Amino acid sequence: MADNIKTVNEKEFKANVLDAARPVLVDFWAVWCGPCKMIAPLVAELAGEYKDRVEFAKVNVDEAPKVASSYNVMSIPTLIVFKGGKPFEQLVGYRPKKDIQKLLDKALA
């Protein structure tokens, strides 16, 4: 995992995501999820490419079910960009890197 991706639990979510000064891409995932394993390297690459502009966090839905349910995460992987403490936009399921880049660029625009 890229060193600028934080693993966030339910107690840390507000401080690391909702109170962040920059947009935050949150990857909702689980250990047993195949598509989550496929998207993880793309998220790690983007964390490197956007490191000075966007924060990155991972939330394990099995360990933080309240956070996942409060943002209606029904399928994983789900990527949600939070901006100003609120969900800005999301992608559900495996997506190519260019789709995630578009999401990030839109949040930064």
Protein backbone atom coordinates (compact mmCIF):
# COMPACT_ATOMS: atom_id res chain seq x y z
CA MET A 1 0.00 0.00 0.00
CA ALA A 2 1.22 3.48 -0.77
CA ASP A 3 2.54 5.18 2.34
CA ASN A 4 0.10 8.09 1.98
CA ILE A 5 -3.00 5.86 2.14
CA LYS A 6 -4.41 5.75 5.67
CA THR A 7 -6.33 2.78 6.98
CA VAL A 8 -9.21 4.39 8.83
CA ASN A 9 -11.52 2.84 11.41
CA GLU A 10 -14.84 4.13 12.76
CA LYS A 11 -13.20 6.25 15.48
CA GLU A 12 -10.75 7.90 13.06
CA PHE A 13 -13.16 8.51 10.18
CA LYS A 14 -14.30 11.99 11.23
CA ALA A 15 -10.78 13.31 11.88
CA ASN A 16 -9.18 11.73 8.80
CA VAL A 17 -11.98 12.12 6.26
CA LEU A 18 -14.73 14.52 7.28
CA ASP A 19 -12.41 17.11 8.85
CA ALA A 20 -9.74 16.92 6.12
CA ALA A 21 -8.73 20.17 4.46
CA ARG A 22 -8.34 18.51 1.04
CA PRO A 23 -10.62 16.13 -0.87
CA VAL A 24 -10.35 12.54 0.38
CA LEU A 25 -10.82 9.42 -1.75
CA VAL A 26 -12.13 6.65 0.50
CA ASP A 27 -11.83 3.07 -0.73
CA PHE A 28 -14.47 0.90 0.98
CA TRP A 29 -13.23 -2.68 0.71
CA ALA A 30 -12.97 -6.11 2.38
CA VAL A 31 -10.24 -8.78 2.57
CA TRP A 32 -12.42 -11.39 0.83
CA CYS A 33 -13.41 -9.12 -2.10
CA GLY A 34 -11.74 -10.01 -5.42
CA PRO A 35 -12.55 -6.75 -7.25
CA CYS A 36 -11.22 -4.85 -4.20
CA LYS A 37 -7.86 -6.58 -4.67
CA MET A 38 -7.92 -5.64 -8.36
CA ILE A 39 -8.61 -1.95 -7.74
CA ALA A 40 -6.15 -1.55 -4.84
CA PRO A 41 -3.03 -1.14 -7.05
CA LEU A 42 -4.81 1.54 -9.10
CA VAL A 43 -5.74 3.45 -5.94
CA ALA A 44 -2.13 3.13 -4.75
CA GLU A 45 -0.80 4.51 -8.07
CA LEU A 46 -3.22 7.43 -7.91
CA ALA A 47 -2.28 8.09 -4.27
CA GLY A 48 1.25 8.67 -5.53
CA GLU A 49 0.17 10.80 -8.48
CA TYR A 50 -2.22 13.00 -6.46
CA LYS A 51 -0.31 12.98 -3.16
CA ASP A 52 -0.05 16.77 -2.84
CA ARG A 53 -3.69 17.41 -3.75
CA VAL A 54 -5.88 14.57 -2.47
CA GLU A 55 -5.88 12.46 0.70
CA PHE A 56 -6.45 8.69 0.42
CA ALA A 57 -8.08 6.39 2.96
CA LYS A 58 -9.18 2.77 3.09
CA VAL A 59 -12.13 1.57 5.18
CA ASN A 60 -12.56 -2.16 5.74
CA VAL A 61 -16.35 -2.62 5.70
CA ASP A 62 -16.12 -5.67 7.97
CA GLU A 63 -14.24 -3.67 10.62
CA ALA A 64 -16.19 -0.41 10.21
CA PRO A 65 -19.75 -1.44 9.28
CA LYS A 66 -21.34 1.70 10.76
CA VAL A 67 -19.29 3.97 8.50
CA ALA A 68 -20.10 1.85 5.45
CA SER A 69 -23.82 1.76 6.19
CA SER A 70 -24.00 5.48 6.97
CA TYR A 71 -22.84 6.18 3.38
CA ASN A 72 -25.07 3.46 1.87
CA VAL A 73 -22.16 1.30 0.77
CA MET A 74 -24.01 -1.80 -0.49
CA SER A 75 -21.40 -3.19 -2.89
CA ILE A 76 -17.64 -3.16 -2.76
CA PRO A 77 -15.34 -1.82 -3.84
CA THR A 78 -16.98 1.57 -3.49
CA LEU A 79 -14.84 4.68 -3.93
CA ILE A 80 -16.30 7.88 -2.47
CA VAL A 81 -14.64 11.28 -2.74
CA PHE A 82 -15.41 13.44 0.28
CA LYS A 83 -15.04 17.18 -0.12
CA GLY A 84 -15.69 19.66 2.66
CA GLY A 85 -16.81 16.85 4.96
CA LYS A 86 -19.52 15.58 2.61
CA PRO A 87 -19.68 12.85 -0.04
CA PHE A 88 -18.97 14.53 -3.38
CA GLU A 89 -19.20 11.64 -5.83
CA GLN A 90 -18.73 7.88 -5.93
CA LEU A 91 -17.86 4.90 -8.10
CA VAL A 92 -19.11 1.39 -7.36
CA GLY A 93 -17.35 -1.78 -8.49
CA TYR A 94 -14.07 -2.23 -10.32
CA ARG A 95 -13.32 0.70 -12.61
CA PRO A 96 -10.33 1.49 -14.83
CA LYS A 97 -7.77 4.01 -13.63
CA LYS A 98 -9.00 6.72 -16.03
CA ASP A 99 -12.48 6.64 -14.43
CA ILE A 100 -10.98 7.19 -10.98
CA GLN A 101 -8.76 9.97 -12.36
CA LYS A 102 -11.85 11.72 -13.79
CA LEU A 103 -13.52 11.49 -10.38
CA LEU A 104 -10.47 13.03 -8.66
CA ASP A 105 -10.05 15.75 -11.28
CA LYS A 106 -13.71 16.69 -10.93
CA ALA A 107 -13.31 16.99 -7.16
CA LEU A 108 -10.27 19.24 -7.65
CA ALA A 109 -11.91 21.46 -10.30
